[in-house]
Amino acid sequence: MQANVGDVDRTVRFTLGLFIILIGVYLRSYWGLVGVILIATATIKWCPLYIPFRISSGRQSR
């Protein structure tokens, strides 16, 4: 599994993930779990949704 999430993308995912979790806790909604997914993909530097679209925000090594 090759990393396909870059540094800026990771920062945005992590920040947005924390925000969504806090909103989910505040509203007592399960939608906060979406934030957990964003933080997980930021942590492992890999997003499975990028594969079918051939997207990569990380550095490409040649």
N, C-alpha and C. Protein backbone atom coordinates (compact mmCIF):
# COMPACT_ATOMS: atom_id res chain seq x y z
N MET A 1 0.85 -1.16 0.00
CA MET A 1 0.00 0.00 0.00
C MET A 1 0.90 1.23 0.00
N GLN A 2 0.82 1.98 -1.08
CA GLN A 2 1.66 3.17 -1.23
C GLN A 2 0.91 4.40 -0.74
N ALA A 3 1.61 5.26 -0.03
CA ALA A 3 0.99 6.48 0.51
C ALA A 3 0.47 7.35 -0.63
N ASN A 4 -0.78 7.81 -0.50
CA ASN A 4 -1.34 8.68 -1.53
C ASN A 4 -1.97 9.95 -0.91
N VAL A 5 -1.65 10.22 0.34
CA VAL A 5 -2.14 11.42 1.02
C VAL A 5 -0.93 12.27 1.42
N GLY A 6 -0.88 13.48 0.90
CA GLY A 6 0.25 14.37 1.17
C GLY A 6 0.12 15.11 2.49
N ASP A 7 1.12 15.92 2.77
CA ASP A 7 1.20 16.63 4.06
C ASP A 7 0.06 17.63 4.25
N VAL A 8 -0.23 18.42 3.24
CA VAL A 8 -1.31 19.41 3.37
C VAL A 8 -2.65 18.69 3.50
N ASP A 9 -2.84 17.66 2.70
CA ASP A 9 -4.07 16.86 2.76
C ASP A 9 -4.24 16.23 4.14
N ARG A 10 -3.14 15.74 4.72
CA ARG A 10 -3.18 15.14 6.06
C ARG A 10 -3.61 16.15 7.11
N THR A 11 -3.04 17.35 7.02
CA THR A 11 -3.37 18.40 7.98
C THR A 11 -4.84 18.78 7.90
N VAL A 12 -5.34 18.93 6.67
CA VAL A 12 -6.75 19.28 6.48
C VAL A 12 -7.65 18.16 6.98
N ARG A 13 -7.32 16.91 6.65
CA ARG A 13 -8.13 15.77 7.10
C ARG A 13 -8.16 15.69 8.63
N PHE A 14 -7.00 15.85 9.25
CA PHE A 14 -6.93 15.74 10.71
C PHE A 14 -7.74 16.85 11.38
N THR A 15 -7.58 18.08 10.92
CA THR A 15 -8.30 19.22 11.49
C THR A 15 -9.81 19.07 11.28
N LEU A 16 -10.20 18.74 10.06
CA LEU A 16 -11.62 18.56 9.76
C LEU A 16 -12.19 17.38 10.53
N GLY A 17 -11.40 16.31 10.68
CA GLY A 17 -11.84 15.16 11.44
C GLY A 17 -12.12 15.49 12.89
N LEU A 18 -11.22 16.25 13.51
CA LEU A 18 -11.44 16.67 14.90
C LEU A 18 -12.69 17.53 15.04
N PHE A 19 -12.87 18.44 14.08
CA PHE A 19 -14.03 19.32 14.09
C PHE A 19 -15.33 18.51 13.97
N ILE A 20 -15.35 17.54 13.07
CA ILE A 20 -16.55 16.71 12.86
C ILE A 20 -16.83 15.87 14.10
N ILE A 21 -15.79 15.34 14.73
CA ILE A 21 -15.99 14.56 15.96
C ILE A 21 -16.58 15.43 17.05
N LEU A 22 -16.05 16.64 17.21
CA LEU A 22 -16.59 17.55 18.23
C LEU A 22 -18.04 17.92 17.97
N ILE A 23 -18.38 18.17 16.72
CA ILE A 23 -19.77 18.47 16.36
C ILE A 23 -20.66 17.26 16.63
N GLY A 24 -20.17 16.07 16.28
CA GLY A 24 -20.93 14.85 16.54
C GLY A 24 -21.18 14.62 18.02
N VAL A 25 -20.18 14.89 18.84
CA VAL A 25 -20.35 14.74 20.29
C VAL A 25 -21.34 15.79 20.81
N TYR A 26 -21.19 17.01 20.34
CA TYR A 26 -22.07 18.08 20.78
C TYR A 26 -23.53 17.79 20.41
N LEU A 27 -23.76 17.30 19.20
CA LEU A 27 -25.11 17.01 18.74
C LEU A 27 -25.59 15.61 19.13
N ARG A 28 -24.70 14.85 19.78
CA ARG A 28 -25.00 13.46 20.16
C ARG A 28 -25.47 12.66 18.96
N SER A 29 -24.65 12.72 17.90
CA SER A 29 -24.96 12.06 16.64
C SER A 29 -23.83 11.12 16.25
N TYR A 30 -24.20 10.08 15.53
CA TYR A 30 -23.19 9.14 15.04
C TYR A 30 -22.41 9.70 13.85
N TRP A 31 -22.78 10.84 13.35
CA TRP A 31 -22.05 11.45 12.24
C TRP A 31 -20.62 11.82 12.65
N GLY A 32 -20.37 11.88 13.92
CA GLY A 32 -19.01 12.13 14.40
C GLY A 32 -18.05 11.04 14.01
N LEU A 33 -18.56 9.86 13.70
CA LEU A 33 -17.70 8.76 13.26
C LEU A 33 -17.01 9.04 11.92
N VAL A 34 -17.61 9.91 11.12
CA VAL A 34 -16.96 10.31 9.87
C VAL A 34 -15.62 10.97 10.17
N GLY A 35 -15.56 11.71 11.24
CA GLY A 35 -14.31 12.34 11.66
C GLY A 35 -13.25 11.31 12.00
N VAL A 36 -13.65 10.20 12.58
CA VAL A 36 -12.70 9.12 12.90
C VAL A 36 -12.09 8.56 11.62
N ILE A 37 -12.90 8.42 10.58
CA ILE A 37 -12.39 7.93 9.30
C ILE A 37 -11.37 8.90 8.72
N LEU A 38 -11.67 10.19 8.79
CA LEU A 38 -10.73 11.19 8.27
C LEU A 38 -9.41 11.17 9.04
N ILE A 39 -9.47 11.04 10.34
CA ILE A 39 -8.25 10.99 11.14
C ILE A 39 -7.47 9.72 10.85
N ALA A 40 -8.17 8.61 10.66
CA ALA A 40 -7.50 7.34 10.35
C ALA A 40 -6.76 7.42 9.02
N THR A 41 -7.40 7.97 7.99
CA THR A 41 -6.74 8.08 6.69
C THR A 41 -5.57 9.07 6.75
N ALA A 42 -5.68 10.09 7.57
CA ALA A 42 -4.57 11.03 7.74
C ALA A 42 -3.40 10.36 8.45
N THR A 43 -3.70 9.49 9.40
CA THR A 43 -2.67 8.83 10.18
C THR A 43 -1.89 7.81 9.35
N ILE A 44 -2.61 7.02 8.55
CA ILE A 44 -1.92 5.97 7.77
C ILE A 44 -1.46 6.46 6.40
N LYS A 45 -1.77 7.72 6.06
CA LYS A 45 -1.34 8.36 4.81
C LYS A 45 -1.86 7.64 3.57
N TRP A 46 -3.03 7.03 3.68
CA TRP A 46 -3.58 6.27 2.55
C TRP A 46 -5.10 6.39 2.56
N CYS A 47 -5.67 6.72 1.42
CA CYS A 47 -7.12 6.85 1.29
C CYS A 47 -7.59 5.90 0.19
N PRO A 48 -8.44 4.94 0.53
CA PRO A 48 -8.90 3.98 -0.48
C PRO A 48 -9.77 4.61 -1.56
N LEU A 49 -10.41 5.74 -1.29
CA LEU A 49 -11.23 6.39 -2.32
C LEU A 49 -10.39 7.05 -3.40
N TYR A 50 -9.13 7.29 -3.15
CA TYR A 50 -8.26 7.90 -4.15
C TYR A 50 -7.86 6.90 -5.24
N ILE A 51 -7.90 5.61 -4.95
CA ILE A 51 -7.41 4.60 -5.88
C ILE A 51 -8.22 4.53 -7.18
N PRO A 52 -9.56 4.41 -7.14
CA PRO A 52 -10.29 4.31 -8.41
C PRO A 52 -10.20 5.57 -9.27
N PHE A 53 -9.98 6.71 -8.63
CA PHE A 53 -9.88 7.96 -9.36
C PHE A 53 -8.44 8.34 -9.72
N ARG A 54 -7.50 7.49 -9.29
CA ARG A 54 -6.07 7.69 -9.54
C ARG A 54 -5.60 9.06 -9.06
N ILE A 55 -6.00 9.40 -7.87
CA ILE A 55 -5.63 10.67 -7.24
C ILE A 55 -4.54 10.42 -6.22
N SER A 56 -3.60 11.34 -6.13
CA SER A 56 -2.59 11.28 -5.10
C SER A 56 -2.17 12.71 -4.77
N SER A 57 -2.27 13.05 -3.50
CA SER A 57 -1.84 14.38 -3.09
C SER A 57 -0.44 14.32 -2.49
N GLY A 58 0.15 13.14 -2.47
CA GLY A 58 1.50 12.97 -1.94
C GLY A 58 2.54 13.14 -3.03
N ARG A 59 3.78 13.08 -2.62
CA ARG A 59 4.88 13.19 -3.59
C ARG A 59 4.98 11.92 -4.41
N GLN A 60 5.24 12.07 -5.66
CA GLN A 60 5.40 10.93 -6.56
C GLN A 60 6.88 10.66 -6.76
N SER A 61 7.32 9.46 -6.42
CA SER A 61 8.72 9.11 -6.65
C SER A 61 8.83 8.38 -7.98
N ARG A 62 9.89 8.69 -8.71
CA ARG A 62 10.10 8.08 -10.03
C ARG A 62 11.36 7.30 -10.06
